[in-house]
Amino acid sequence: MTSDNDALKLKIIKHVADMLMVMTNTDDASPALIEELEDEALLKADLILGALGLAVAGSDGSVISVNLDLQDINAYIEQRASEMYVPDTEL
């Protein structure tokens, strides 16, 4: 069931990223910039949903049930930043 829930969580992340892109002006953006903005929207969506402590509980057809466990935002961002970025001294 975990892989099913992971797939549903990814679907939610992509949905939120799509919402963020709808709110982003890309009228004059090059394809490369649009791709960069899409990547950024996915990261932001993942961070937002992670800070909400989103966990998929299950689904019934097109309805996805989730649980939220609100996280301390600053602590969550610091933790994620430490996971994502390698200090220059380690390069």
N, C-alpha and C. Protein backbone atom coordinates (compact mmCIF):
# COMPACT_ATOMS: atom_id res chain seq x y z
N MET A 1 0.82 -1.21 0.00
CA MET A 1 0.00 0.00 0.00
C MET A 1 0.86 1.26 0.00
N THR A 2 2.07 1.17 0.55
CA THR A 2 2.91 2.35 0.63
C THR A 2 3.20 2.93 -0.75
N SER A 3 3.52 2.06 -1.72
CA SER A 3 3.82 2.58 -3.06
C SER A 3 2.59 3.24 -3.68
N ASP A 4 1.41 2.71 -3.40
CA ASP A 4 0.18 3.34 -3.88
C ASP A 4 0.02 4.72 -3.25
N ASN A 5 0.26 4.81 -1.94
CA ASN A 5 0.16 6.09 -1.25
C ASN A 5 1.22 7.07 -1.74
N ASP A 6 2.42 6.57 -2.01
CA ASP A 6 3.47 7.44 -2.55
C ASP A 6 3.06 7.99 -3.91
N ALA A 7 2.45 7.15 -4.73
CA ALA A 7 2.00 7.60 -6.06
C ALA A 7 0.89 8.65 -5.92
N LEU A 8 0.00 8.45 -4.95
CA LEU A 8 -1.06 9.44 -4.72
C LEU A 8 -0.49 10.75 -4.18
N LYS A 9 0.51 10.65 -3.30
CA LYS A 9 1.14 11.87 -2.78
C LYS A 9 1.81 12.63 -3.92
N LEU A 10 2.49 11.92 -4.81
CA LEU A 10 3.11 12.57 -5.96
C LEU A 10 2.06 13.23 -6.84
N LYS A 11 0.92 12.60 -7.00
CA LYS A 11 -0.17 13.18 -7.79
C LYS A 11 -0.63 14.49 -7.16
N ILE A 12 -0.73 14.52 -5.82
CA ILE A 12 -1.12 15.76 -5.13
C ILE A 12 -0.06 16.83 -5.30
N ILE A 13 1.21 16.47 -5.16
CA ILE A 13 2.31 17.43 -5.33
C ILE A 13 2.27 18.03 -6.73
N LYS A 14 2.08 17.18 -7.75
CA LYS A 14 2.03 17.68 -9.13
C LYS A 14 0.81 18.58 -9.34
N HIS A 15 -0.30 18.26 -8.69
CA HIS A 15 -1.51 19.08 -8.81
C HIS A 15 -1.26 20.47 -8.22
N VAL A 16 -0.64 20.53 -7.05
CA VAL A 16 -0.32 21.82 -6.43
C VAL A 16 0.69 22.58 -7.30
N ALA A 17 1.67 21.88 -7.85
CA ALA A 17 2.65 22.53 -8.73
C ALA A 17 1.96 23.11 -9.96
N ASP A 18 1.01 22.38 -10.52
CA ASP A 18 0.24 22.89 -11.66
C ASP A 18 -0.52 24.16 -11.28
N MET A 19 -1.09 24.16 -10.06
CA MET A 19 -1.79 25.36 -9.59
C MET A 19 -0.83 26.54 -9.49
N LEU A 20 0.37 26.29 -8.98
CA LEU A 20 1.37 27.36 -8.87
C LEU A 20 1.76 27.88 -10.25
N MET A 21 1.86 26.97 -11.22
CA MET A 21 2.22 27.40 -12.58
C MET A 21 1.11 28.21 -13.22
N VAL A 22 -0.15 27.89 -12.94
CA VAL A 22 -1.27 28.67 -13.47
C VAL A 22 -1.17 30.12 -12.98
N MET A 23 -0.65 30.29 -11.77
CA MET A 23 -0.54 31.63 -11.19
C MET A 23 0.77 32.33 -11.57
N THR A 24 1.58 31.69 -12.42
CA THR A 24 2.87 32.23 -12.83
C THR A 24 2.76 32.75 -14.26
N ASN A 25 3.20 33.98 -14.47
CA ASN A 25 3.17 34.57 -15.81
C ASN A 25 4.31 33.98 -16.63
N THR A 26 3.94 33.23 -17.66
CA THR A 26 4.94 32.62 -18.55
C THR A 26 4.78 33.11 -19.99
N ASP A 27 4.05 34.21 -20.15
CA ASP A 27 3.76 34.71 -21.50
C ASP A 27 5.01 34.91 -22.35
N ASP A 28 6.03 35.52 -21.78
CA ASP A 28 7.24 35.83 -22.54
C ASP A 28 8.41 34.92 -22.18
N ALA A 29 8.12 33.83 -21.50
CA ALA A 29 9.19 32.94 -21.02
C ALA A 29 9.63 31.96 -22.10
N SER A 30 10.91 31.73 -22.13
CA SER A 30 11.46 30.74 -23.06
C SER A 30 11.12 29.34 -22.55
N PRO A 31 11.19 28.34 -23.42
CA PRO A 31 10.94 26.96 -22.96
C PRO A 31 11.86 26.55 -21.81
N ALA A 32 13.11 27.00 -21.86
CA ALA A 32 14.05 26.67 -20.79
C ALA A 32 13.62 27.30 -19.47
N LEU A 33 13.16 28.55 -19.52
CA LEU A 33 12.70 29.22 -18.31
C LEU A 33 11.43 28.55 -17.77
N ILE A 34 10.53 28.16 -18.66
CA ILE A 34 9.31 27.48 -18.23
C ILE A 34 9.66 26.17 -17.52
N GLU A 35 10.61 25.43 -18.05
CA GLU A 35 11.03 24.18 -17.42
C GLU A 35 11.61 24.47 -16.03
N GLU A 36 12.41 25.52 -15.92
CA GLU A 36 12.97 25.91 -14.63
C GLU A 36 11.87 26.29 -13.64
N LEU A 37 10.88 27.04 -14.12
CA LEU A 37 9.76 27.44 -13.27
C LEU A 37 8.93 26.23 -12.83
N GLU A 38 8.76 25.26 -13.73
CA GLU A 38 8.04 24.04 -13.38
C GLU A 38 8.78 23.24 -12.30
N ASP A 39 10.10 23.16 -12.44
CA ASP A 39 10.90 22.47 -11.42
C ASP A 39 10.78 23.18 -10.07
N GLU A 40 10.83 24.51 -10.10
CA GLU A 40 10.69 25.30 -8.88
C GLU A 40 9.30 25.12 -8.27
N ALA A 41 8.27 25.06 -9.10
CA ALA A 41 6.91 24.86 -8.60
C ALA A 41 6.77 23.48 -7.93
N LEU A 42 7.40 22.45 -8.50
CA LEU A 42 7.37 21.13 -7.88
C LEU A 42 8.05 21.14 -6.52
N LEU A 43 9.19 21.82 -6.44
CA LEU A 43 9.91 21.92 -5.18
C LEU A 43 9.07 22.67 -4.14
N LYS A 44 8.47 23.79 -4.54
CA LYS A 44 7.63 24.56 -3.62
C LYS A 44 6.43 23.74 -3.16
N ALA A 45 5.80 23.03 -4.07
CA ALA A 45 4.65 22.20 -3.72
C ALA A 45 5.06 21.13 -2.72
N ASP A 46 6.19 20.50 -2.96
CA ASP A 46 6.69 19.47 -2.05
C ASP A 46 6.98 20.06 -0.67
N LEU A 47 7.59 21.24 -0.63
CA LEU A 47 7.89 21.90 0.64
C LEU A 47 6.61 22.29 1.38
N ILE A 48 5.65 22.84 0.67
CA ILE A 48 4.39 23.25 1.30
C ILE A 48 3.67 22.04 1.89
N LEU A 49 3.55 20.99 1.10
CA LEU A 49 2.83 19.80 1.58
C LEU A 49 3.61 19.09 2.68
N GLY A 50 4.93 19.15 2.61
CA GLY A 50 5.75 18.57 3.67
C GLY A 50 5.57 19.33 4.98
N ALA A 51 5.52 20.65 4.90
CA ALA A 51 5.32 21.47 6.11
C ALA A 51 3.92 21.25 6.69
N LEU A 52 3.01 20.83 5.85
CA LEU A 52 1.67 20.48 6.34
C LEU A 52 1.64 19.07 6.92
N GLY A 53 2.72 18.33 6.75
CA GLY A 53 2.78 16.96 7.24
C GLY A 53 1.82 16.04 6.52
N LEU A 54 1.63 16.28 5.23
CA LEU A 54 0.66 15.52 4.45
C LEU A 54 1.04 14.04 4.40
N ALA A 55 0.09 13.20 4.73
CA ALA A 55 0.25 11.75 4.60
C ALA A 55 -1.04 11.21 3.98
N VAL A 56 -0.89 10.45 2.92
CA VAL A 56 -2.06 9.87 2.25
C VAL A 56 -2.59 8.72 3.10
N ALA A 57 -3.89 8.78 3.40
CA ALA A 57 -4.54 7.74 4.19
C ALA A 57 -5.17 6.67 3.31
N GLY A 58 -5.53 7.04 2.09
CA GLY A 58 -6.14 6.09 1.17
C GLY A 58 -6.89 6.82 0.09
N SER A 59 -7.56 6.06 -0.75
CA SER A 59 -8.33 6.67 -1.83
C SER A 59 -9.53 5.80 -2.16
N ASP A 60 -10.52 6.46 -2.73
CA ASP A 60 -11.73 5.78 -3.18
C ASP A 60 -12.11 6.44 -4.50
N GLY A 61 -11.69 5.82 -5.58
CA GLY A 61 -11.93 6.44 -6.89
C GLY A 61 -11.06 7.67 -7.06
N SER A 62 -11.70 8.79 -7.33
CA SER A 62 -10.94 10.03 -7.54
C SER A 62 -10.76 10.83 -6.25
N VAL A 63 -11.28 10.33 -5.13
CA VAL A 63 -11.16 11.01 -3.85
C VAL A 63 -9.95 10.46 -3.10
N ILE A 64 -9.02 11.35 -2.75
CA ILE A 64 -7.84 10.96 -1.99
C ILE A 64 -8.02 11.49 -0.57
N SER A 65 -7.91 10.60 0.39
CA SER A 65 -8.02 10.99 1.80
C SER A 65 -6.61 11.20 2.36
N VAL A 66 -6.43 12.30 3.08
CA VAL A 66 -5.11 12.61 3.65
C VAL A 66 -5.25 12.98 5.12
N ASN A 67 -4.13 12.86 5.81
CA ASN A 67 -4.02 13.36 7.17
C ASN A 67 -2.98 14.46 7.14
N LEU A 68 -3.19 15.50 7.95
CA LEU A 68 -2.23 16.59 8.06
C LEU A 68 -1.71 16.64 9.48
N ASP A 69 -0.40 16.82 9.61
CA ASP A 69 0.26 16.97 10.90
C ASP A 69 1.14 18.20 10.77
N LEU A 70 0.58 19.37 11.09
CA LEU A 70 1.27 20.63 10.86
C LEU A 70 2.62 20.65 11.55
N GLN A 71 3.64 20.97 10.77
CA GLN A 71 5.02 21.00 11.25
C GLN A 71 5.42 22.43 11.60
N ASP A 72 6.41 22.57 12.49
CA ASP A 72 7.02 23.87 12.72
C ASP A 72 7.73 24.26 11.42
N ILE A 73 7.30 25.34 10.81
CA ILE A 73 7.77 25.69 9.47
C ILE A 73 9.28 25.92 9.44
N ASN A 74 9.80 26.71 10.36
CA ASN A 74 11.24 27.01 10.34
C ASN A 74 12.07 25.75 10.54
N ALA A 75 11.69 24.91 11.49
CA ALA A 75 12.43 23.67 11.72
C ALA A 75 12.35 22.76 10.50
N TYR A 76 11.17 22.70 9.88
CA TYR A 76 11.00 21.85 8.70
C TYR A 76 11.88 22.33 7.54
N ILE A 77 11.88 23.63 7.29
CA ILE A 77 12.68 24.20 6.20
C ILE A 77 14.17 23.97 6.47
N GLU A 78 14.60 24.17 7.71
CA GLU A 78 16.01 23.94 8.05
C GLU A 78 16.39 22.48 7.83
N GLN A 79 15.52 21.56 8.24
CA GLN A 79 15.78 20.14 8.07
C GLN A 79 15.88 19.78 6.59
N ARG A 80 14.92 20.26 5.80
CA ARG A 80 14.93 19.98 4.35
C ARG A 80 16.15 20.59 3.68
N ALA A 81 16.52 21.81 4.09
CA ALA A 81 17.69 22.47 3.51
C ALA A 81 18.95 21.66 3.79
N SER A 82 19.05 21.11 4.99
CA SER A 82 20.24 20.32 5.32
C SER A 82 20.29 19.03 4.51
N GLU A 83 19.14 18.52 4.12
CA GLU A 83 19.08 17.31 3.29
C GLU A 83 19.37 17.61 1.83
N MET A 84 19.03 18.82 1.38
CA MET A 84 19.09 19.15 -0.04
C MET A 84 20.42 19.75 -0.49
N TYR A 85 21.08 20.47 0.40
CA TYR A 85 22.25 21.24 0.01
C TYR A 85 23.51 20.70 0.67
N VAL A 86 24.55 20.56 -0.15
CA VAL A 86 25.84 20.09 0.34
C VAL A 86 26.72 21.32 0.53
N PRO A 87 27.30 21.48 1.73
CA PRO A 87 28.18 22.63 1.94
C PRO A 87 29.37 22.58 0.99
N ASP A 88 29.89 23.74 0.62
CA ASP A 88 31.03 23.82 -0.29
C ASP A 88 32.22 23.01 0.19
N THR A 89 32.38 22.89 1.51
CA THR A 89 33.52 22.15 2.05
C THR A 89 33.45 20.67 1.74
N GLU A 90 32.26 20.16 1.40
CA GLU A 90 32.11 18.74 1.07
C GLU A 90 32.26 18.46 -0.42
N LEU A 91 32.39 19.48 -1.23
CA LEU A 91 32.51 19.27 -2.68
C LEU A 91 33.90 18.86 -3.09
